[in-house]
């Protein structure tokens, strides 16, 4: 089930965070905390499969529980990595398996957090960091477009100048 407490799915731009958590109370608490304390817009899913079906919405971050119905968090992370290799994924879980943590971090997991009192604070910091990266990337793209447009304008001006003064 998709949940969003601030805007419809079609209105959300590049500050979208997916929360994949089958515990509805924990999911709502996390969504409420993140939506009120950051610029993130959250969409909640109960399964990894639901999340994966909606990846075309282009979230900037996925927060993923490990123990999920259907595919578990590891399987969902691996599938997300296949579809969107650069998408940051955070595993938020009670699973304290250090071997699993090391394995997933080696495979590119952005972070592995334990469900503790300060987990939402840690996630807010991660969201802030990810949003900063998105903003910097967009600024680089805008600057690159400005340079390209400037070069095209100068070339056009040069062609006009050469044509007029032949």
C-alpha atoms as a PDB file:
ATOM      1  CA  UNK A   1       0.000   0.000   0.000  1.00  0.00           C
ATOM      2  CA  UNK A   2       1.271   3.472  -0.900  1.00  0.00           C
ATOM      3  CA  UNK A   3       0.951   6.209   1.673  1.00  0.00           C
ATOM      4  CA  UNK A   4       1.845   9.885   1.372  1.00  0.00           C
ATOM      5  CA  UNK A   5       0.703  12.452   3.867  1.00  0.00           C
ATOM      6  CA  UNK A   6       1.651  15.679   2.105  1.00  0.00           C
ATOM      7  CA  UNK A   7       1.228  15.439  -1.675  1.00  0.00           C
ATOM      8  CA  UNK A   8      -0.052  13.134  -4.343  1.00  0.00           C
ATOM      9  CA  UNK A   9       2.489  10.880  -6.027  1.00  0.00           C
ATOM     10  CA  UNK A  10       2.445  12.877  -9.257  1.00  0.00           C
ATOM     11  CA  UNK A  11       3.401  16.117  -7.407  1.00  0.00           C
ATOM     12  CA  UNK A  12       6.577  14.766  -5.832  1.00  0.00           C
ATOM     13  CA  UNK A  13       9.864  15.758  -7.418  1.00  0.00           C
ATOM     14  CA  UNK A  14      13.423  15.015  -6.369  1.00  0.00           C
ATOM     15  CA  UNK A  15      12.991  14.878  -2.582  1.00  0.00           C
ATOM     16  CA  UNK A  16      11.162  11.572  -2.516  1.00  0.00           C
ATOM     17  CA  UNK A  17      12.083   8.982   0.111  1.00  0.00           C
ATOM     18  CA  UNK A  18      10.669   5.467   0.063  1.00  0.00           C
ATOM     19  CA  UNK A  19      10.040   3.809   3.429  1.00  0.00           C
ATOM     20  CA  UNK A  20       9.654   0.036   3.164  1.00  0.00           C
ATOM     21  CA  UNK A  21       8.353  -1.251   6.490  1.00  0.00           C
ATOM     22  CA  UNK A  22       5.677  -3.840   7.201  1.00  0.00           C
ATOM     23  CA  UNK A  23       5.074  -2.600  10.770  1.00  0.00           C
ATOM     24  CA  UNK A  24       2.467   0.053  10.025  1.00  0.00           C
ATOM     25  CA  UNK A  25       2.874   1.871  13.347  1.00  0.00           C
ATOM     26  CA  UNK A  26       6.658   2.129  12.947  1.00  0.00           C
ATOM     27  CA  UNK A  27       6.245   3.169   9.324  1.00  0.00           C
ATOM     28  CA  UNK A  28       3.797   5.944  10.217  1.00  0.00           C
ATOM     29  CA  UNK A  29       6.028   7.156  13.040  1.00  0.00           C
ATOM     30  CA  UNK A  30       9.045   7.281  10.741  1.00  0.00           C
ATOM     31  CA  UNK A  31       7.089   8.980   7.947  1.00  0.00           C
ATOM     32  CA  UNK A  32       5.699  11.567  10.369  1.00  0.00           C
ATOM     33  CA  UNK A  33       9.118  12.317  11.866  1.00  0.00           C
ATOM     34  CA  UNK A  34      10.863  12.595   8.513  1.00  0.00           C
ATOM     35  CA  UNK A  35       8.122  14.595   6.807  1.00  0.00           C
ATOM     36  CA  UNK A  36       7.958  17.147   9.611  1.00  0.00           C
ATOM     37  CA  UNK A  37      11.680  17.555  10.178  1.00  0.00           C
ATOM     38  CA  UNK A  38      13.048  17.572   6.639  1.00  0.00           C
ATOM     39  CA  UNK A  39      12.169  18.497   3.095  1.00  0.00           C
ATOM     40  CA  UNK A  40      11.661  14.834   2.287  1.00  0.00           C
ATOM     41  CA  UNK A  41       8.354  13.590   0.966  1.00  0.00           C
ATOM     42  CA  UNK A  42       7.770  10.003   2.039  1.00  0.00           C
ATOM     43  CA  UNK A  43       5.924   7.159   0.410  1.00  0.00           C
ATOM     44  CA  UNK A  44       5.477   4.026   2.501  1.00  0.00           C
ATOM     45  CA  UNK A  45       5.364   0.451   1.259  1.00  0.00           C
ATOM     46  CA  UNK A  46       4.750  -2.766   3.167  1.00  0.00           C
ATOM     47  CA  UNK A  47       6.808  -5.018   0.890  1.00  0.00           C
ATOM     48  CA  UNK A  48       9.964  -4.857  -1.166  1.00  0.00           C
ATOM     49  CA  UNK A  49       7.971  -5.855  -4.227  1.00  0.00           C
ATOM     50  CA  UNK A  50       5.707  -2.787  -3.895  1.00  0.00           C
ATOM     51  CA  UNK A  51       8.748  -0.550  -3.569  1.00  0.00           C
ATOM     52  CA  UNK A  52      10.440  -2.035  -6.619  1.00  0.00           C
ATOM     53  CA  UNK A  53       7.261  -1.605  -8.699  1.00  0.00           C
ATOM     54  CA  UNK A  54       7.388   2.151  -7.986  1.00  0.00           C
ATOM     55  CA  UNK A  55      11.101   2.850  -8.573  1.00  0.00           C
ATOM     56  CA  UNK A  56      10.195   4.773 -11.738  1.00  0.00           C
ATOM     57  CA  UNK A  57       9.090   7.581  -9.362  1.00  0.00           C
ATOM     58  CA  UNK A  58      12.832   8.127  -8.900  1.00  0.00           C
ATOM     59  CA  UNK A  59      13.299   8.391  -5.132  1.00  0.00           C
ATOM     60  CA  UNK A  60      16.506   9.908  -3.769  1.00  0.00           C
ATOM     61  CA  UNK A  61      16.661   7.358  -0.938  1.00  0.00           C
ATOM     62  CA  UNK A  62      15.108   4.037   0.088  1.00  0.00           C
ATOM     63  CA  UNK A  63      14.806   3.117   3.775  1.00  0.00           C
ATOM     64  CA  UNK A  64      14.332  -0.611   3.940  1.00  0.00           C
ATOM     65  CA  UNK A  65      13.425  -2.939   6.799  1.00  0.00           C
ATOM     66  CA  UNK A  66      15.109  -6.349   6.755  1.00  0.00           C
ATOM     67  CA  UNK A  67      12.219  -8.552   7.887  1.00  0.00           C
ATOM     68  CA  UNK A  68       9.550  -8.074   5.252  1.00  0.00           C
ATOM     69  CA  UNK A  69       6.814 -10.334   3.883  1.00  0.00           C
ATOM     70  CA  UNK A  70       7.803 -11.830   0.537  1.00  0.00           C
ATOM     71  CA  UNK A  71      11.349 -10.841  -0.338  1.00  0.00           C
ATOM     72  CA  UNK A  72      13.424  -9.794   2.660  1.00  0.00           C
ATOM     73  CA  UNK A  73      15.417  -6.565   2.869  1.00  0.00           C
ATOM     74  CA  UNK A  74      18.586  -8.133   1.477  1.00  0.00           C
ATOM     75  CA  UNK A  75      16.761  -9.474  -1.565  1.00  0.00           C
ATOM     76  CA  UNK A  76      14.959  -6.162  -2.082  1.00  0.00           C
ATOM     77  CA  UNK A  77      18.254  -4.243  -1.801  1.00  0.00           C
ATOM     78  CA  UNK A  78      19.922  -6.520  -4.364  1.00  0.00           C
ATOM     79  CA  UNK A  79      16.998  -6.064  -6.762  1.00  0.00           C
ATOM     80  CA  UNK A  80      17.025  -2.277  -6.289  1.00  0.00           C
ATOM     81  CA  UNK A  81      20.782  -2.300  -6.942  1.00  0.00           C
ATOM     82  CA  UNK A  82      20.163  -4.104 -10.261  1.00  0.00           C
ATOM     83  CA  UNK A  83      17.526  -1.582 -11.364  1.00  0.00           C
ATOM     84  CA  UNK A  84      19.030   1.648  -9.965  1.00  0.00           C
ATOM     85  CA  UNK A  85      22.670   1.016  -9.004  1.00  0.00           C
ATOM     86  CA  UNK A  86      23.304   4.586  -7.796  1.00  0.00           C
ATOM     87  CA  UNK A  87      20.204   4.832  -5.577  1.00  0.00           C
ATOM     88  CA  UNK A  88      21.180   5.094  -1.888  1.00  0.00           C
ATOM     89  CA  UNK A  89      19.550   2.389   0.222  1.00  0.00           C
ATOM     90  CA  UNK A  90      19.574   2.324   4.025  1.00  0.00           C
ATOM     91  CA  UNK A  91      18.692  -0.859   5.863  1.00  0.00           C
ATOM     92  CA  UNK A  92      16.862  -0.048   9.107  1.00  0.00           C
ATOM     93  CA  UNK A  93      16.429  -3.197  11.138  1.00  0.00           C
ATOM     94  CA  UNK A  94      16.562  -5.032  14.439  1.00  0.00           C
ATOM     95  CA  UNK A  95      18.769  -7.651  12.749  1.00  0.00           C
ATOM     96  CA  UNK A  96      22.203  -7.253  14.359  1.00  0.00           C
ATOM     97  CA  UNK A  97      23.966  -9.806  12.159  1.00  0.00           C
ATOM     98  CA  UNK A  98      27.428  -8.242  11.653  1.00  0.00           C
ATOM     99  CA  UNK A  99      28.259 -10.632   8.808  1.00  0.00           C
ATOM    100  CA  UNK A 100      25.139  -9.512   6.931  1.00  0.00           C
ATOM    101  CA  UNK A 101      25.949  -5.865   7.657  1.00  0.00           C
ATOM    102  CA  UNK A 102      29.484  -6.182   6.242  1.00  0.00           C
ATOM    103  CA  UNK A 103      28.246  -8.118   3.206  1.00  0.00           C
ATOM    104  CA  UNK A 104      25.614  -5.533   2.304  1.00  0.00           C
ATOM    105  CA  UNK A 105      27.918  -2.566   2.897  1.00  0.00           C
ATOM    106  CA  UNK A 106      30.451  -4.189   0.537  1.00  0.00           C
ATOM    107  CA  UNK A 107      27.681  -4.515  -2.072  1.00  0.00           C
ATOM    108  CA  UNK A 108      26.994  -0.773  -1.894  1.00  0.00           C
ATOM    109  CA  UNK A 109      24.433  -0.376   0.879  1.00  0.00           C
ATOM    110  CA  UNK A 110      24.509   3.300   1.912  1.00  0.00           C
ATOM    111  CA  UNK A 111      24.110   2.521   5.615  1.00  0.00           C
ATOM    112  CA  UNK A 112      22.965  -0.208   8.002  1.00  0.00           C
ATOM    113  CA  UNK A 113      21.092   1.198  10.999  1.00  0.00           C
ATOM    114  CA  UNK A 114      19.570  -0.496  14.003  1.00  0.00           C
ATOM    115  CA  UNK A 115      16.059   0.389  15.085  1.00  0.00           C
ATOM    116  CA  UNK A 116      16.918   2.403  18.170  1.00  0.00           C
ATOM    117  CA  UNK A 117      15.728   5.664  19.687  1.00  0.00           C
ATOM    118  CA  UNK A 118      18.149   7.749  17.614  1.00  0.00           C
ATOM    119  CA  UNK A 119      17.491   5.919  14.325  1.00  0.00           C
ATOM    120  CA  UNK A 120      15.192   8.662  13.034  1.00  0.00           C
ATOM    121  CA  UNK A 121      17.837  11.276  13.883  1.00  0.00           C
ATOM    122  CA  UNK A 122      20.435   9.249  11.962  1.00  0.00           C
ATOM    123  CA  UNK A 123      18.052   8.919   9.021  1.00  0.00           C
ATOM    124  CA  UNK A 124      17.399  12.683   9.035  1.00  0.00           C
ATOM    125  CA  UNK A 125      21.163  13.222   8.802  1.00  0.00           C
ATOM    126  CA  UNK A 126      21.396  10.739   5.929  1.00  0.00           C
ATOM    127  CA  UNK A 127      18.490  12.419   4.121  1.00  0.00           C
ATOM    128  CA  UNK A 128      20.157  15.791   4.569  1.00  0.00           C
ATOM    129  CA  UNK A 129      23.410  14.417   3.155  1.00  0.00           C
ATOM    130  CA  UNK A 130      21.647  12.763   0.203  1.00  0.00           C
ATOM    131  CA  UNK A 131      19.613  15.922  -0.529  1.00  0.00           C
ATOM    132  CA  UNK A 132      22.811  18.005  -0.477  1.00  0.00           C
ATOM    133  CA  UNK A 133      24.334  15.650  -3.054  1.00  0.00           C
ATOM    134  CA  UNK A 134      21.220  15.894  -5.227  1.00  0.00           C
ATOM    135  CA  UNK A 135      21.308  19.702  -5.073  1.00  0.00           C
ATOM    136  CA  UNK A 136      25.022  19.799  -5.949  1.00  0.00           C
ATOM    137  CA  UNK A 137      24.447  17.405  -8.875  1.00  0.00           C
ATOM    138  CA  UNK A 138      21.569  19.537 -10.167  1.00  0.00           C
ATOM    139  CA  UNK A 139      23.703  22.678  -9.851  1.00  0.00           C
ATOM    140  CA  UNK A 140      26.497  21.035 -11.851  1.00  0.00           C
ATOM    141  CA  UNK A 141      23.995  20.013 -14.526  1.00  0.00           C
ATOM    142  CA  UNK A 142      22.562  23.550 -14.660  1.00  0.00           C
ATOM    143  CA  UNK A 143      26.035  25.055 -14.901  1.00  0.00           C
ATOM    144  CA  UNK A 144      26.944  22.622 -17.673  1.00  0.00           C
ATOM    145  CA  UNK A 145      23.796  23.546 -19.611  1.00  0.00           C
ATOM    146  CA  UNK A 146      24.594  27.250 -19.227  1.00  0.00           C
ATOM    147  CA  UNK A 147      28.082  26.661 -20.612  1.00  0.00           C
ATOM    148  CA  UNK A 148      26.741  24.634 -23.539  1.00  0.00           C
ATOM    149  CA  UNK A 149      24.136  27.285 -24.360  1.00  0.00           C
ATOM    150  CA  UNK A 150      26.808  29.995 -24.116  1.00  0.00           C
ATOM    151  CA  UNK A 151      29.132  28.119 -26.468  1.00  0.00           C
ATOM    152  CA  UNK A 152      26.287  27.543 -28.959  1.00  0.00           C
ATOM    153  CA  UNK A 153      25.415  31.251 -28.802  1.00  0.00           C
ATOM    154  CA  UNK A 154      29.035  32.262 -29.431  1.00  0.00           C
ATOM    155  CA  UNK A 155      29.321  29.864 -32.374  1.00  0.00           C
ATOM    156  CA  UNK A 156      26.077  31.205 -33.859  1.00  0.00           C
ATOM    157  CA  UNK A 157      27.320  34.764 -33.343  1.00  0.00           C
ATOM    158  CA  UNK A 158      30.625  33.901 -35.013  1.00  0.00           C
ATOM    159  CA  UNK A 159      28.807  32.331 -37.991  1.00  0.00           C
ATOM    160  CA  UNK A 160      26.597  35.414 -38.349  1.00  0.00           C
ATOM    161  CA  UNK A 161      29.640  37.696 -38.063  1.00  0.00           C
ATOM    162  CA  UNK A 162      31.544  35.698 -40.703  1.00  0.00           C
ATOM    163  CA  UNK A 163      28.520  35.739 -43.040  1.00  0.00           C
ATOM    164  CA  UNK A 164      27.951  39.488 -42.680  1.00  0.00           C
ATOM    165  CA  UNK A 165      31.628  40.471 -43.160  1.00  0.00           C
ATOM    166  CA  UNK A 166      32.507  38.183 -46.035  1.00  0.00           C
END
